[in-house]
Amino acid sequence: MFGYGDIVRIDLSSGAIIREPVPPALVKKFIGGMGINDWLLWEHFLQVDPRVDPMSEENVLIAGVGPLGGTATCFGTKTKFTFQVSADGFFRGCDQRRDVRGAT
């Protein structure tokens, strides 16, 4: 779908790479990385026990960009990382912001 790129699943254990389009239902439901990342994490833990060791091969690290990522806009963009934290087993999101205002 235009403007949403693809979902790329990379298995670091086997080296397998699977590329698939973002489902149209997700595009209609969520704007950008935050909602889609959370949905991907939910989908993953429906198949894998959510109490899995965060440092194991069954855990995931999800990276997604905001709706302005990859565009020529001058307002900057945001990357969202979603993962399970090893300290307490809860799920977290971490935003990496790039602000281009005033950049030379």
N, C-alpha and C. Protein backbone atom coordinates (compact mmCIF):
# COMPACT_ATOMS: atom_id res chain seq x y z
N MET A 1 0.86 -1.18 0.00
CA MET A 1 0.00 0.00 0.00
C MET A 1 0.89 1.23 0.00
N PHE A 2 0.51 2.23 -0.75
CA PHE A 2 1.32 3.42 -0.92
C PHE A 2 1.64 4.09 0.41
N GLY A 3 2.91 4.38 0.62
CA GLY A 3 3.34 5.11 1.80
C GLY A 3 3.58 4.28 3.04
N TYR A 4 3.34 3.00 3.00
CA TYR A 4 3.51 2.19 4.20
C TYR A 4 4.63 1.16 4.10
N GLY A 5 5.27 1.02 2.97
CA GLY A 5 6.39 0.10 2.86
C GLY A 5 5.98 -1.34 3.10
N ASP A 6 6.90 -2.11 3.65
CA ASP A 6 6.69 -3.53 3.89
C ASP A 6 7.04 -3.89 5.32
N ILE A 7 6.57 -5.05 5.75
CA ILE A 7 7.02 -5.65 7.00
C ILE A 7 8.13 -6.61 6.61
N VAL A 8 9.29 -6.47 7.22
CA VAL A 8 10.42 -7.34 6.95
C VAL A 8 10.72 -8.11 8.23
N ARG A 9 10.61 -9.43 8.16
CA ARG A 9 10.89 -10.29 9.31
C ARG A 9 12.25 -10.94 9.09
N ILE A 10 13.18 -10.70 10.03
CA ILE A 10 14.53 -11.23 9.91
C ILE A 10 14.80 -12.16 11.08
N ASP A 11 15.09 -13.41 10.80
CA ASP A 11 15.43 -14.40 11.82
C ASP A 11 16.95 -14.43 11.92
N LEU A 12 17.48 -13.88 13.00
CA LEU A 12 18.93 -13.80 13.16
C LEU A 12 19.56 -15.16 13.39
N SER A 13 18.80 -16.13 13.86
CA SER A 13 19.34 -17.47 14.08
C SER A 13 19.60 -18.20 12.77
N SER A 14 18.64 -18.10 11.85
CA SER A 14 18.76 -18.84 10.59
C SER A 14 19.21 -17.97 9.42
N GLY A 15 19.08 -16.66 9.57
CA GLY A 15 19.42 -15.75 8.48
C GLY A 15 18.28 -15.58 7.48
N ALA A 16 17.12 -16.16 7.76
CA ALA A 16 15.98 -16.07 6.85
C ALA A 16 15.39 -14.66 6.88
N ILE A 17 15.03 -14.17 5.70
CA ILE A 17 14.41 -12.85 5.57
C ILE A 17 13.10 -13.02 4.81
N ILE A 18 12.01 -12.55 5.42
CA ILE A 18 10.69 -12.63 4.79
C ILE A 18 10.16 -11.21 4.67
N ARG A 19 9.77 -10.84 3.47
CA ARG A 19 9.23 -9.50 3.22
C ARG A 19 7.77 -9.64 2.81
N GLU A 20 6.90 -8.85 3.47
CA GLU A 20 5.47 -8.94 3.17
C GLU A 20 4.86 -7.53 3.23
N PRO A 21 3.83 -7.28 2.47
CA PRO A 21 3.20 -5.96 2.52
C PRO A 21 2.46 -5.76 3.84
N VAL A 22 2.33 -4.51 4.24
CA VAL A 22 1.53 -4.20 5.43
C VAL A 22 0.08 -4.49 5.09
N PRO A 23 -0.61 -5.31 5.91
CA PRO A 23 -2.01 -5.62 5.61
C PRO A 23 -2.87 -4.34 5.56
N PRO A 24 -3.74 -4.22 4.56
CA PRO A 24 -4.58 -3.02 4.44
C PRO A 24 -5.39 -2.72 5.69
N ALA A 25 -5.79 -3.74 6.44
CA ALA A 25 -6.55 -3.52 7.68
C ALA A 25 -5.73 -2.73 8.70
N LEU A 26 -4.41 -2.98 8.75
CA LEU A 26 -3.55 -2.25 9.68
C LEU A 26 -3.40 -0.80 9.26
N VAL A 27 -3.32 -0.57 7.96
CA VAL A 27 -3.18 0.79 7.44
C VAL A 27 -4.40 1.62 7.83
N LYS A 28 -5.56 1.02 7.76
CA LYS A 28 -6.79 1.73 8.11
C LYS A 28 -6.91 1.94 9.62
N LYS A 29 -6.34 1.04 10.40
CA LYS A 29 -6.50 1.07 11.85
C LYS A 29 -5.47 1.95 12.56
N PHE A 30 -4.23 1.97 12.06
CA PHE A 30 -3.14 2.65 12.76
C PHE A 30 -2.44 3.66 11.86
N ILE A 31 -1.90 4.71 12.47
CA ILE A 31 -1.11 5.70 11.74
C ILE A 31 0.34 5.53 12.15
N GLY A 32 1.13 4.88 11.34
CA GLY A 32 2.57 4.79 11.59
C GLY A 32 3.00 3.68 12.52
N GLY A 33 4.26 3.80 12.96
CA GLY A 33 4.96 2.73 13.67
C GLY A 33 4.41 2.33 15.02
N MET A 34 3.91 3.25 15.81
CA MET A 34 3.51 2.91 17.17
C MET A 34 2.41 1.85 17.19
N GLY A 35 1.32 2.08 16.50
CA GLY A 35 0.22 1.13 16.50
C GLY A 35 0.56 -0.16 15.79
N ILE A 36 1.24 -0.06 14.66
CA ILE A 36 1.61 -1.26 13.92
C ILE A 36 2.61 -2.09 14.71
N ASN A 37 3.59 -1.44 15.36
CA ASN A 37 4.55 -2.18 16.20
C ASN A 37 3.85 -2.93 17.32
N ASP A 38 2.92 -2.25 17.99
CA ASP A 38 2.20 -2.90 19.08
C ASP A 38 1.38 -4.08 18.58
N TRP A 39 0.76 -3.93 17.40
CA TRP A 39 0.00 -5.03 16.82
C TRP A 39 0.91 -6.20 16.49
N LEU A 40 2.09 -5.93 15.92
CA LEU A 40 3.04 -7.00 15.58
C LEU A 40 3.51 -7.73 16.84
N LEU A 41 3.75 -6.98 17.92
CA LEU A 41 4.15 -7.62 19.17
C LEU A 41 3.03 -8.51 19.71
N TRP A 42 1.81 -8.01 19.67
CA TRP A 42 0.64 -8.78 20.12
C TRP A 42 0.51 -10.05 19.28
N GLU A 43 0.63 -9.91 17.95
CA GLU A 43 0.55 -11.07 17.06
C GLU A 43 1.62 -12.10 17.40
N HIS A 44 2.84 -11.63 17.68
CA HIS A 44 3.95 -12.54 18.00
C HIS A 44 3.66 -13.32 19.28
N PHE A 45 3.20 -12.62 20.31
CA PHE A 45 2.99 -13.29 21.59
C PHE A 45 1.67 -14.06 21.66
N LEU A 46 0.86 -14.03 20.60
CA LEU A 46 -0.24 -14.97 20.49
C LEU A 46 0.28 -16.34 20.07
N GLN A 47 1.46 -16.36 19.43
CA GLN A 47 2.07 -17.60 18.97
C GLN A 47 3.16 -18.11 19.90
N VAL A 48 3.77 -17.22 20.65
CA VAL A 48 4.88 -17.56 21.56
C VAL A 48 4.46 -17.15 22.98
N ASP A 49 4.83 -17.94 23.96
CA ASP A 49 4.50 -17.64 25.35
C ASP A 49 5.06 -16.26 25.73
N PRO A 50 4.22 -15.33 26.20
CA PRO A 50 4.69 -13.99 26.56
C PRO A 50 5.69 -13.98 27.72
N ARG A 51 5.78 -15.10 28.45
CA ARG A 51 6.74 -15.17 29.57
C ARG A 51 8.10 -15.68 29.12
N VAL A 52 8.32 -15.72 27.80
CA VAL A 52 9.59 -16.19 27.25
C VAL A 52 10.73 -15.30 27.76
N ASP A 53 11.89 -15.89 27.92
CA ASP A 53 13.07 -15.13 28.35
C ASP A 53 13.35 -14.04 27.33
N PRO A 54 13.40 -12.77 27.75
CA PRO A 54 13.64 -11.68 26.80
C PRO A 54 14.96 -11.79 26.03
N MET A 55 15.90 -12.56 26.54
CA MET A 55 17.18 -12.71 25.85
C MET A 55 17.22 -13.95 24.96
N SER A 56 16.09 -14.65 24.82
CA SER A 56 16.07 -15.88 24.03
C SER A 56 15.79 -15.59 22.56
N GLU A 57 15.95 -16.62 21.74
CA GLU A 57 15.71 -16.49 20.30
C GLU A 57 14.24 -16.27 19.98
N GLU A 58 13.34 -16.61 20.89
CA GLU A 58 11.91 -16.46 20.63
C GLU A 58 11.43 -15.02 20.82
N ASN A 59 12.24 -14.17 21.41
CA ASN A 59 11.85 -12.78 21.62
C ASN A 59 12.05 -11.99 20.33
N VAL A 60 11.43 -10.83 20.25
CA VAL A 60 11.52 -10.00 19.06
C VAL A 60 11.95 -8.58 19.40
N LEU A 61 12.52 -7.92 18.43
CA LEU A 61 12.80 -6.48 18.47
C LEU A 61 12.14 -5.91 17.22
N ILE A 62 11.19 -5.01 17.42
CA ILE A 62 10.42 -4.47 16.31
C ILE A 62 10.78 -3.00 16.13
N ALA A 63 11.11 -2.61 14.91
CA ALA A 63 11.41 -1.22 14.59
C ALA A 63 10.43 -0.75 13.53
N GLY A 64 9.87 0.42 13.74
CA GLY A 64 8.94 0.99 12.77
C GLY A 64 9.10 2.49 12.71
N VAL A 65 8.74 3.08 11.59
CA VAL A 65 8.85 4.53 11.44
C VAL A 65 7.48 5.17 11.47
N GLY A 66 7.46 6.44 11.77
CA GLY A 66 6.22 7.20 11.79
C GLY A 66 5.72 7.46 10.39
N PRO A 67 4.54 8.09 10.28
CA PRO A 67 3.92 8.29 8.98
C PRO A 67 4.70 9.22 8.04
N LEU A 68 5.60 10.02 8.56
CA LEU A 68 6.38 10.91 7.70
C LEU A 68 7.72 10.31 7.29
N GLY A 69 8.04 9.12 7.78
CA GLY A 69 9.31 8.48 7.43
C GLY A 69 9.40 8.21 5.94
N GLY A 70 10.54 8.53 5.35
CA GLY A 70 10.77 8.30 3.94
C GLY A 70 10.15 9.34 3.03
N THR A 71 9.63 10.42 3.62
CA THR A 71 9.06 11.48 2.79
C THR A 71 10.02 12.66 2.75
N ALA A 72 9.72 13.61 1.91
CA ALA A 72 10.58 14.79 1.76
C ALA A 72 10.17 15.91 2.70
N THR A 73 9.35 15.61 3.67
CA THR A 73 8.90 16.66 4.59
C THR A 73 10.06 17.18 5.43
N CYS A 74 9.97 18.41 5.84
CA CYS A 74 11.05 18.99 6.64
C CYS A 74 10.73 18.98 8.13
N PHE A 75 9.72 18.25 8.53
CA PHE A 75 9.31 18.22 9.93
C PHE A 75 9.99 17.12 10.73
N GLY A 76 10.84 16.35 10.11
CA GLY A 76 11.53 15.27 10.81
C GLY A 76 10.68 14.01 10.83
N THR A 77 11.20 12.99 11.46
CA THR A 77 10.49 11.71 11.54
C THR A 77 10.83 11.05 12.87
N LYS A 78 10.24 9.92 13.12
CA LYS A 78 10.43 9.22 14.39
C LYS A 78 10.53 7.73 14.10
N THR A 79 11.43 7.06 14.82
CA THR A 79 11.54 5.61 14.74
C THR A 79 11.12 5.05 16.09
N LYS A 80 10.31 4.02 16.07
CA LYS A 80 9.81 3.41 17.31
C LYS A 80 10.35 1.99 17.40
N PHE A 81 10.99 1.67 18.52
CA PHE A 81 11.45 0.31 18.81
C PHE A 81 10.55 -0.27 19.89
N THR A 82 10.05 -1.47 19.66
CA THR A 82 9.15 -2.14 20.60
C THR A 82 9.78 -3.48 20.95
N PHE A 83 9.80 -3.81 22.26
CA PHE A 83 10.51 -5.00 22.71
C PHE A 83 10.07 -5.39 24.12
N GLN A 84 10.49 -6.56 24.55
CA GLN A 84 10.25 -7.02 25.91
C GLN A 84 11.52 -6.74 26.72
N VAL A 85 11.36 -6.13 27.88
CA VAL A 85 12.50 -5.75 28.71
C VAL A 85 12.95 -6.93 29.56
N SER A 86 14.25 -7.15 29.64
CA SER A 86 14.77 -8.30 30.39
C SER A 86 14.67 -8.12 31.89
N ALA A 87 14.67 -6.89 32.39
CA ALA A 87 14.67 -6.67 33.83
C ALA A 87 13.38 -7.12 34.50
N ASP A 88 12.23 -6.80 33.88
CA ASP A 88 10.96 -7.13 34.53
C ASP A 88 10.00 -7.92 33.64
N GLY A 89 10.37 -8.18 32.39
CA GLY A 89 9.52 -8.96 31.51
C GLY A 89 8.38 -8.19 30.89
N PHE A 90 8.26 -6.89 31.22
CA PHE A 90 7.19 -6.09 30.63
C PHE A 90 7.58 -5.65 29.23
N PHE A 91 6.62 -5.15 28.50
CA PHE A 91 6.85 -4.70 27.14
C PHE A 91 7.07 -3.20 27.14
N ARG A 92 7.99 -2.76 26.33
CA ARG A 92 8.33 -1.34 26.29
C ARG A 92 8.39 -0.86 24.85
N GLY A 93 8.28 0.43 24.72
CA GLY A 93 8.52 1.08 23.44
C GLY A 93 9.52 2.19 23.67
N CYS A 94 10.35 2.42 22.72
CA CYS A 94 11.37 3.45 22.85
C CYS A 94 11.34 4.27 21.57
N ASP A 95 11.18 5.58 21.71
CA ASP A 95 11.16 6.45 20.54
C ASP A 95 12.53 7.07 20.34
N GLN A 96 12.97 7.06 19.12
CA GLN A 96 14.18 7.76 18.73
C GLN A 96 13.73 8.89 17.81
N ARG A 97 13.85 10.11 18.30
CA ARG A 97 13.35 11.25 17.51
C ARG A 97 14.50 11.95 16.82
N ARG A 98 14.21 12.42 15.63
CA ARG A 98 15.16 13.22 14.89
C ARG A 98 14.49 14.54 14.59
N ASP A 99 14.96 15.58 15.17
CA ASP A 99 14.36 16.89 14.99
C ASP A 99 15.25 17.68 14.05
N VAL A 100 14.72 18.10 12.93
CA VAL A 100 15.53 18.82 11.95
C VAL A 100 15.31 20.32 12.01
N ARG A 101 14.50 20.80 12.93
CA ARG A 101 14.30 22.25 13.03
C ARG A 101 15.61 22.91 13.40
N GLY A 102 16.00 23.89 12.64
CA GLY A 102 17.23 24.63 12.95
C GLY A 102 18.50 23.90 12.52
N ALA A 103 18.36 22.74 11.87
CA ALA A 103 19.55 22.01 11.45
C ALA A 103 20.19 22.72 10.27
N THR A 104 21.51 22.64 10.19
CA THR A 104 22.21 23.28 9.08
C THR A 104 22.76 22.26 8.13
